[in-house]
Amino acid sequence: MLIHHQLGKLHLLNVAHLEIDLLVNTLKSLIMQYKVNCPSAPFENTMFPTLDDCWSLCIELSEEYGYAEVRYGNCVLGSYTNGH
């Protein structure tokens, strides 16, 4: 009975550890994302997990709205004005 009880505790610890890992990874993916920011059309702002995904939308938004930028947190990584 004691062994079964200890195995049950071990299983619960493993499940809790996996849930914590999942939560941490989810938070990282939400926090650590690149953002295409279009000040004149904030409804177009979009988050991406990788930098490569940002640039095509950034240039398209700059062509349509005049200016767009790619941000990582508070850092502007690059911008386009009127498609340039």
PDB file of N, CA and C in Angstrom:
ATOM      1  N   MET A   1       0.821  -1.193   0.000  1.00  0.00           N
ATOM      2  CA  MET A   1       0.000   0.000   0.000  1.00  0.00           C
ATOM      3  C   MET A   1       0.871   1.266   0.000  1.00  0.00           C
ATOM      4  N   LEU A   2       1.958   1.248   0.777  1.00  0.00           N
ATOM      5  CA  LEU A   2       2.853   2.397   0.856  1.00  0.00           C
ATOM      6  C   LEU A   2       3.494   2.686  -0.505  1.00  0.00           C
ATOM      7  N   ILE A   3       3.904   1.643  -1.212  1.00  0.00           N
ATOM      8  CA  ILE A   3       4.507   1.819  -2.530  1.00  0.00           C
ATOM      9  C   ILE A   3       3.502   2.425  -3.495  1.00  0.00           C
ATOM     10  N   HIS A   4       2.268   1.936  -3.473  1.00  0.00           N
ATOM     11  CA  HIS A   4       1.230   2.472  -4.355  1.00  0.00           C
ATOM     12  C   HIS A   4       0.992   3.951  -4.042  1.00  0.00           C
ATOM     13  N   HIS A   5       0.977   4.304  -2.755  1.00  0.00           N
ATOM     14  CA  HIS A   5       0.772   5.692  -2.339  1.00  0.00           C
ATOM     15  C   HIS A   5       1.926   6.580  -2.833  1.00  0.00           C
ATOM     16  N   GLN A   6       3.158   6.089  -2.684  1.00  0.00           N
ATOM     17  CA  GLN A   6       4.318   6.854  -3.134  1.00  0.00           C
ATOM     18  C   GLN A   6       4.303   7.031  -4.653  1.00  0.00           C
ATOM     19  N   LEU A   7       3.913   5.982  -5.386  1.00  0.00           N
ATOM     20  CA  LEU A   7       3.821   6.087  -6.847  1.00  0.00           C
ATOM     21  C   LEU A   7       2.753   7.093  -7.248  1.00  0.00           C
ATOM     22  N   GLY A   8       1.666   7.129  -6.515  1.00  0.00           N
ATOM     23  CA  GLY A   8       0.613   8.114  -6.781  1.00  0.00           C
ATOM     24  C   GLY A   8       1.117   9.534  -6.592  1.00  0.00           C
ATOM     25  N   LYS A   9       1.904   9.752  -5.513  1.00  0.00           N
ATOM     26  CA  LYS A   9       2.487  11.079  -5.288  1.00  0.00           C
ATOM     27  C   LYS A   9       3.450  11.448  -6.416  1.00  0.00           C
ATOM     28  N   LEU A  10       4.261  10.474  -6.834  1.00  0.00           N
ATOM     29  CA  LEU A  10       5.213  10.712  -7.912  1.00  0.00           C
ATOM     30  C   LEU A  10       4.482  11.090  -9.200  1.00  0.00           C
ATOM     31  N   HIS A  11       3.395  10.383  -9.497  1.00  0.00           N
ATOM     32  CA  HIS A  11       2.610  10.693 -10.690  1.00  0.00           C
ATOM     33  C   HIS A  11       2.045  12.109 -10.604  1.00  0.00           C
ATOM     34  N   LEU A  12       1.522  12.484  -9.439  1.00  0.00           N
ATOM     35  CA  LEU A  12       0.978  13.835  -9.276  1.00  0.00           C
ATOM     36  C   LEU A  12       2.063  14.891  -9.434  1.00  0.00           C
ATOM     37  N   LEU A  13       3.257  14.631  -8.937  1.00  0.00           N
ATOM     38  CA  LEU A  13       4.360  15.576  -9.100  1.00  0.00           C
ATOM     39  C   LEU A  13       4.748  15.713 -10.566  1.00  0.00           C
ATOM     40  N   ASN A  14       4.786  14.598 -11.285  1.00  0.00           N
ATOM     41  CA  ASN A  14       5.110  14.650 -12.713  1.00  0.00           C
ATOM     42  C   ASN A  14       4.066  15.432 -13.490  1.00  0.00           C
ATOM     43  N   VAL A  15       2.788  15.206 -13.161  1.00  0.00           N
ATOM     44  CA  VAL A  15       1.702  15.935 -13.841  1.00  0.00           C
ATOM     45  C   VAL A  15       1.815  17.422 -13.531  1.00  0.00           C
ATOM     46  N   ALA A  16       2.048  17.761 -12.272  1.00  0.00           N
ATOM     47  CA  ALA A  16       2.175  19.169 -11.883  1.00  0.00           C
ATOM     48  C   ALA A  16       3.360  19.813 -12.592  1.00  0.00           C
ATOM     49  N   HIS A  17       4.472  19.086 -12.686  1.00  0.00           N
ATOM     50  CA  HIS A  17       5.660  19.606 -13.368  1.00  0.00           C
ATOM     51  C   HIS A  17       5.363  19.860 -14.846  1.00  0.00           C
ATOM     52  N   LEU A  18       4.673  18.940 -15.495  1.00  0.00           N
ATOM     53  CA  LEU A  18       4.317  19.114 -16.904  1.00  0.00           C
ATOM     54  C   LEU A  18       3.388  20.306 -17.090  1.00  0.00           C
ATOM     55  N   GLU A  19       2.441  20.465 -16.175  1.00  0.00           N
ATOM     56  CA  GLU A  19       1.521  21.604 -16.270  1.00  0.00           C
ATOM     57  C   GLU A  19       2.265  22.923 -16.084  1.00  0.00           C
ATOM     58  N   ILE A  20       3.224  22.954 -15.180  1.00  0.00           N
ATOM     59  CA  ILE A  20       4.019  24.174 -14.972  1.00  0.00           C
ATOM     60  C   ILE A  20       4.852  24.468 -16.217  1.00  0.00           C
ATOM     61  N   ASP A  21       5.477  23.451 -16.800  1.00  0.00           N
ATOM     62  CA  ASP A  21       6.250  23.646 -18.028  1.00  0.00           C
ATOM     63  C   ASP A  21       5.370  24.188 -19.148  1.00  0.00           C
ATOM     64  N   LEU A  22       4.174  23.644 -19.278  1.00  0.00           N
ATOM     65  CA  LEU A  22       3.249  24.108 -20.311  1.00  0.00           C
ATOM     66  C   LEU A  22       2.869  25.561 -20.068  1.00  0.00           C
ATOM     67  N   LEU A  23       2.587  25.905 -18.830  1.00  0.00           N
ATOM     68  CA  LEU A  23       2.229  27.279 -18.488  1.00  0.00           C
ATOM     69  C   LEU A  23       3.378  28.240 -18.782  1.00  0.00           C
ATOM     70  N   VAL A  24       4.592  27.870 -18.407  1.00  0.00           N
ATOM     71  CA  VAL A  24       5.763  28.717 -18.661  1.00  0.00           C
ATOM     72  C   VAL A  24       5.961  28.905 -20.155  1.00  0.00           C
ATOM     73  N   ASN A  25       5.877  27.842 -20.930  1.00  0.00           N
ATOM     74  CA  ASN A  25       6.037  27.945 -22.384  1.00  0.00           C
ATOM     75  C   ASN A  25       4.947  28.798 -23.004  1.00  0.00           C
ATOM     76  N   THR A  26       3.721  28.671 -22.512  1.00  0.00           N
ATOM     77  CA  THR A  26       2.619  29.488 -23.023  1.00  0.00           C
ATOM     78  C   THR A  26       2.863  30.957 -22.718  1.00  0.00           C
ATOM     79  N   LEU A  27       3.280  31.256 -21.503  1.00  0.00           N
ATOM     80  CA  LEU A  27       3.558  32.644 -21.139  1.00  0.00           C
ATOM     81  C   LEU A  27       4.700  33.215 -21.964  1.00  0.00           C
ATOM     82  N   LYS A  28       5.749  32.419 -22.166  1.00  0.00           N
ATOM     83  CA  LYS A  28       6.863  32.884 -23.002  1.00  0.00           C
ATOM     84  C   LYS A  28       6.392  33.194 -24.410  1.00  0.00           C
ATOM     85  N   SER A  29       5.544  32.338 -24.963  1.00  0.00           N
ATOM     86  CA  SER A  29       5.095  32.570 -26.331  1.00  0.00           C
ATOM     87  C   SER A  29       4.207  33.800 -26.423  1.00  0.00           C
ATOM     88  N   LEU A  30       3.475  34.112 -25.359  1.00  0.00           N
ATOM     89  CA  LEU A  30       2.647  35.316 -25.370  1.00  0.00           C
ATOM     90  C   LEU A  30       3.474  36.571 -25.163  1.00  0.00           C
ATOM     91  N   ILE A  31       4.446  36.486 -24.289  1.00  0.00           N
ATOM     92  CA  ILE A  31       5.246  37.651 -23.947  1.00  0.00           C
ATOM     93  C   ILE A  31       6.334  37.910 -24.991  1.00  0.00           C
ATOM     94  N   MET A  32       6.988  36.887 -25.433  1.00  0.00           N
ATOM     95  CA  MET A  32       8.147  37.020 -26.291  1.00  0.00           C
ATOM     96  C   MET A  32       7.755  36.893 -27.772  1.00  0.00           C
ATOM     97  N   GLN A  33       6.913  37.778 -28.223  1.00  0.00           N
ATOM     98  CA  GLN A  33       6.508  37.741 -29.613  1.00  0.00           C
ATOM     99  C   GLN A  33       6.839  39.061 -30.288  1.00  0.00           C
ATOM    100  N   TYR A  34       6.983  38.967 -31.588  1.00  0.00           N
ATOM    101  CA  TYR A  34       7.216  40.151 -32.415  1.00  0.00           C
ATOM    102  C   TYR A  34       5.868  40.738 -32.796  1.00  0.00           C
ATOM    103  N   LYS A  35       5.835  42.045 -32.900  1.00  0.00           N
ATOM    104  CA  LYS A  35       4.572  42.724 -33.197  1.00  0.00           C
ATOM    105  C   LYS A  35       4.756  43.621 -34.407  1.00  0.00           C
ATOM    106  N   VAL A  36       3.848  43.479 -35.351  1.00  0.00           N
ATOM    107  CA  VAL A  36       3.759  44.445 -36.439  1.00  0.00           C
ATOM    108  C   VAL A  36       2.783  45.509 -35.952  1.00  0.00           C
ATOM    109  N   ASN A  37       3.289  46.724 -35.823  1.00  0.00           N
ATOM    110  CA  ASN A  37       2.527  47.823 -35.256  1.00  0.00           C
ATOM    111  C   ASN A  37       2.258  48.869 -36.332  1.00  0.00           C
ATOM    112  N   CYS A  38       1.001  49.204 -36.472  1.00  0.00           N
ATOM    113  CA  CYS A  38       0.596  50.226 -37.444  1.00  0.00           C
ATOM    114  C   CYS A  38      -0.178  51.303 -36.673  1.00  0.00           C
ATOM    115  N   PRO A  39       0.492  52.397 -36.306  1.00  0.00           N
ATOM    116  CA  PRO A  39      -0.139  53.408 -35.461  1.00  0.00           C
ATOM    117  C   PRO A  39      -1.429  53.996 -36.031  1.00  0.00           C
ATOM    118  N   SER A  40      -1.521  54.138 -37.338  1.00  0.00           N
ATOM    119  CA  SER A  40      -2.728  54.739 -37.908  1.00  0.00           C
ATOM    120  C   SER A  40      -3.849  53.730 -38.110  1.00  0.00           C
ATOM    121  N   ALA A  41      -3.577  52.451 -37.910  1.00  0.00           N
ATOM    122  CA  ALA A  41      -4.613  51.414 -38.021  1.00  0.00           C
ATOM    123  C   ALA A  41      -4.354  50.337 -36.965  1.00  0.00           C
ATOM    124  N   PRO A  42      -4.531  50.659 -35.688  1.00  0.00           N
ATOM    125  CA  PRO A  42      -4.193  49.710 -34.623  1.00  0.00           C
ATOM    126  C   PRO A  42      -4.964  48.395 -34.688  1.00  0.00           C
ATOM    127  N   PHE A  43      -6.093  48.384 -35.356  1.00  0.00           N
ATOM    128  CA  PHE A  43      -6.851  47.137 -35.522  1.00  0.00           C
ATOM    129  C   PHE A  43      -6.101  46.144 -36.406  1.00  0.00           C
ATOM    130  N   GLU A  44      -5.087  46.607 -37.129  1.00  0.00           N
ATOM    131  CA  GLU A  44      -4.264  45.741 -37.980  1.00  0.00           C
ATOM    132  C   GLU A  44      -3.050  45.166 -37.241  1.00  0.00           C
ATOM    133  N   ASN A  45      -2.768  45.649 -36.049  1.00  0.00           N
ATOM    134  CA  ASN A  45      -1.603  45.176 -35.300  1.00  0.00           C
ATOM    135  C   ASN A  45      -1.691  43.665 -35.119  1.00  0.00           C
ATOM    136  N   THR A  46      -0.559  42.993 -35.348  1.00  0.00           N
ATOM    137  CA  THR A  46      -0.537  41.533 -35.320  1.00  0.00           C
ATOM    138  C   THR A  46       0.730  41.045 -34.637  1.00  0.00           C
ATOM    139  N   MET A  47       0.582  39.978 -33.859  1.00  0.00           N
ATOM    140  CA  MET A  47       1.713  39.352 -33.170  1.00  0.00           C
ATOM    141  C   MET A  47       2.159  38.118 -33.942  1.00  0.00           C
ATOM    142  N   PHE A  48       3.476  37.892 -33.976  1.00  0.00           N
ATOM    143  CA  PHE A  48       4.056  36.739 -34.654  1.00  0.00           C
ATOM    144  C   PHE A  48       5.105  36.093 -33.753  1.00  0.00           C
ATOM    145  N   PRO A  49       5.257  34.777 -33.844  1.00  0.00           N
ATOM    146  CA  PRO A  49       6.274  34.106 -33.027  1.00  0.00           C
ATOM    147  C   PRO A  49       7.698  34.282 -33.570  1.00  0.00           C
ATOM    148  N   THR A  50       7.837  34.564 -34.871  1.00  0.00           N
ATOM    149  CA  THR A  50       9.175  34.722 -35.442  1.00  0.00           C
ATOM    150  C   THR A  50       9.268  36.037 -36.202  1.00  0.00           C
ATOM    151  N   LEU A  51      10.461  36.558 -36.252  1.00  0.00           N
ATOM    152  CA  LEU A  51      10.704  37.827 -36.938  1.00  0.00           C
ATOM    153  C   LEU A  51      10.441  37.728 -38.431  1.00  0.00           C
ATOM    154  N   ASP A  52      10.801  36.608 -39.046  1.00  0.00           N
ATOM    155  CA  ASP A  52      10.623  36.445 -40.491  1.00  0.00           C
ATOM    156  C   ASP A  52       9.169  36.607 -40.924  1.00  0.00           C
ATOM    157  N   ASP A  53       8.245  36.246 -40.040  1.00  0.00           N
ATOM    158  CA  ASP A  53       6.820  36.335 -40.384  1.00  0.00           C
ATOM    159  C   ASP A  53       6.309  37.778 -40.437  1.00  0.00           C
ATOM    160  N   CYS A  54       7.045  38.698 -39.878  1.00  0.00           N
ATOM    161  CA  CYS A  54       6.563  40.075 -39.712  1.00  0.00           C
ATOM    162  C   CYS A  54       6.700  40.957 -40.947  1.00  0.00           C
ATOM    163  N   TRP A  55       7.771  40.788 -41.683  1.00  0.00           N
ATOM    164  CA  TRP A  55       8.154  41.812 -42.659  1.00  0.00           C
ATOM    165  C   TRP A  55       7.175  41.986 -43.812  1.00  0.00           C
ATOM    166  N   SER A  56       6.587  40.919 -44.301  1.00  0.00           N
ATOM    167  CA  SER A  56       5.660  41.084 -45.433  1.00  0.00           C
ATOM    168  C   SER A  56       4.416  41.867 -45.007  1.00  0.00           C
ATOM    169  N   LEU A  57       3.894  41.577 -43.826  1.00  0.00           N
ATOM    170  CA  LEU A  57       2.749  42.348 -43.345  1.00  0.00           C
ATOM    171  C   LEU A  57       3.152  43.787 -43.080  1.00  0.00           C
ATOM    172  N   CYS A  58       4.326  43.998 -42.543  1.00  0.00           N
ATOM    173  CA  CYS A  58       4.789  45.348 -42.246  1.00  0.00           C
ATOM    174  C   CYS A  58       4.832  46.209 -43.508  1.00  0.00           C
ATOM    175  N   ILE A  59       5.400  45.683 -44.573  1.00  0.00           N
ATOM    176  CA  ILE A  59       5.480  46.467 -45.813  1.00  0.00           C
ATOM    177  C   ILE A  59       4.092  46.687 -46.413  1.00  0.00           C
ATOM    178  N   GLU A  60       3.233  45.680 -46.345  1.00  0.00           N
ATOM    179  CA  GLU A  60       1.862  45.838 -46.868  1.00  0.00           C
ATOM    180  C   GLU A  60       1.103  46.929 -46.113  1.00  0.00           C
ATOM    181  N   LEU A  61       1.222  46.924 -44.785  1.00  0.00           N
ATOM    182  CA  LEU A  61       0.535  47.942 -43.990  1.00  0.00           C
ATOM    183  C   LEU A  61       1.100  49.333 -44.250  1.00  0.00           C
ATOM    184  N   SER A  62       2.402  49.422 -44.474  1.00  0.00           N
ATOM    185  CA  SER A  62       2.979  50.735 -44.772  1.00  0.00           C
ATOM    186  C   SER A  62       2.494  51.255 -46.120  1.00  0.00           C
ATOM    187  N   GLU A  63       2.315  50.358 -47.074  1.00  0.00           N
ATOM    188  CA  GLU A  63       1.779  50.776 -48.380  1.00  0.00           C
ATOM    189  C   GLU A  63       0.341  51.261 -48.253  1.00  0.00           C
ATOM    190  N   GLU A  64      -0.431  50.600 -47.393  1.00  0.00           N
ATOM    191  CA  GLU A  64      -1.848  50.957 -47.255  1.00  0.00           C
ATOM    192  C   GLU A  64      -2.078  52.133 -46.311  1.00  0.00           C
ATOM    193  N   TYR A  65      -1.315  52.197 -45.215  1.00  0.00           N
ATOM    194  CA  TYR A  65      -1.584  53.207 -44.183  1.00  0.00           C
ATOM    195  C   TYR A  65      -0.455  54.223 -44.008  1.00  0.00           C
ATOM    196  N   GLY A  66       0.626  54.098 -44.767  1.00  0.00           N
ATOM    197  CA  GLY A  66       1.696  55.086 -44.718  1.00  0.00           C
ATOM    198  C   GLY A  66       2.896  54.704 -43.874  1.00  0.00           C
ATOM    199  N   TYR A  67       2.677  53.988 -42.777  1.00  0.00           N
ATOM    200  CA  TYR A  67       3.796  53.644 -41.900  1.00  0.00           C
ATOM    201  C   TYR A  67       3.444  52.390 -41.103  1.00  0.00           C
ATOM    202  N   ALA A  68       4.427  51.516 -40.925  1.00  0.00           N
ATOM    203  CA  ALA A  68       4.294  50.355 -40.046  1.00  0.00           C
ATOM    204  C   ALA A  68       5.678  49.988 -39.541  1.00  0.00           C
ATOM    205  N   GLU A  69       5.716  49.356 -38.377  1.00  0.00           N
ATOM    206  CA  GLU A  69       6.986  48.991 -37.776  1.00  0.00           C
ATOM    207  C   GLU A  69       6.897  47.606 -37.165  1.00  0.00           C
ATOM    208  N   VAL A  70       8.055  46.984 -37.002  1.00  0.00           N
ATOM    209  CA  VAL A  70       8.157  45.702 -36.315  1.00  0.00           C
ATOM    210  C   VAL A  70       8.806  45.974 -34.969  1.00  0.00           C
ATOM    211  N   ARG A  71       8.152  45.494 -33.912  1.00  0.00           N
ATOM    212  CA  ARG A  71       8.627  45.728 -32.554  1.00  0.00           C
ATOM    213  C   ARG A  71       8.866  44.407 -31.841  1.00  0.00           C
ATOM    214  N   TYR A  72       9.799  44.439 -30.926  1.00  0.00           N
ATOM    215  CA  TYR A  72      10.023  43.342 -29.995  1.00  0.00           C
ATOM    216  C   TYR A  72      10.050  43.975 -28.621  1.00  0.00           C
ATOM    217  N   GLY A  73       8.956  43.877 -27.908  1.00  0.00           N
ATOM    218  CA  GLY A  73       8.820  44.618 -26.658  1.00  0.00           C
ATOM    219  C   GLY A  73       8.761  46.098 -26.972  1.00  0.00           C
ATOM    220  N   ASN A  74       9.631  46.866 -26.346  1.00  0.00           N
ATOM    221  CA  ASN A  74       9.673  48.313 -26.591  1.00  0.00           C
ATOM    222  C   ASN A  74      10.651  48.706 -27.685  1.00  0.00           C
ATOM    223  N   CYS A  75      11.344  47.735 -28.272  1.00  0.00           N
ATOM    224  CA  CYS A  75      12.367  48.020 -29.294  1.00  0.00           C
ATOM    225  C   CYS A  75      11.759  47.964 -30.693  1.00  0.00           C
ATOM    226  N   VAL A  76      11.987  49.011 -31.458  1.00  0.00           N
ATOM    227  CA  VAL A  76      11.593  49.002 -32.871  1.00  0.00           C
ATOM    228  C   VAL A  76      12.744  48.371 -33.644  1.00  0.00           C
ATOM    229  N   LEU A  77      12.449  47.250 -34.317  1.00  0.00           N
ATOM    230  CA  LEU A  77      13.483  46.534 -35.058  1.00  0.00           C
ATOM    231  C   LEU A  77      13.616  47.030 -36.480  1.00  0.00           C
ATOM    232  N   GLY A  78      12.581  47.651 -36.983  1.00  0.00           N
ATOM    233  CA  GLY A  78      12.617  48.183 -38.337  1.00  0.00           C
ATOM    234  C   GLY A  78      11.253  48.723 -38.703  1.00  0.00           C
ATOM    235  N   SER A  79      11.216  49.514 -39.767  1.00  0.00           N
ATOM    236  CA  SER A  79       9.948  50.109 -40.182  1.00  0.00           C
ATOM    237  C   SER A  79       9.962  50.357 -41.689  1.00  0.00           C
ATOM    238  N   TYR A  80       8.771  50.555 -42.205  1.00  0.00           N
ATOM    239  CA  TYR A  80       8.584  50.954 -43.602  1.00  0.00           C
ATOM    240  C   TYR A  80       7.688  52.185 -43.631  1.00  0.00           C
ATOM    241  N   THR A  81       7.968  53.061 -44.569  1.00  0.00           N
ATOM    242  CA  THR A  81       7.118  54.219 -44.834  1.00  0.00           C
ATOM    243  C   THR A  81       6.738  54.183 -46.297  1.00  0.00           C
ATOM    244  N   ASN A  82       5.463  54.138 -46.555  1.00  0.00           N
ATOM    245  CA  ASN A  82       4.935  54.076 -47.927  1.00  0.00           C
ATOM    246  C   ASN A  82       5.602  52.981 -48.750  1.00  0.00           C
ATOM    247  N   GLY A  83       5.823  51.836 -48.141  1.00  0.00           N
ATOM    248  CA  GLY A  83       6.386  50.687 -48.849  1.00  0.00           C
ATOM    249  C   GLY A  83       7.891  50.706 -49.018  1.00  0.00           C
ATOM    250  N   HIS A  84       8.571  51.688 -48.426  1.00  0.00           N
ATOM    251  CA  HIS A  84      10.048  51.788 -48.557  1.00  0.00           C
ATOM    252  C   HIS A  84      10.695  51.785 -47.198  1.00  0.00           C
TER     253      HIS A  84
END
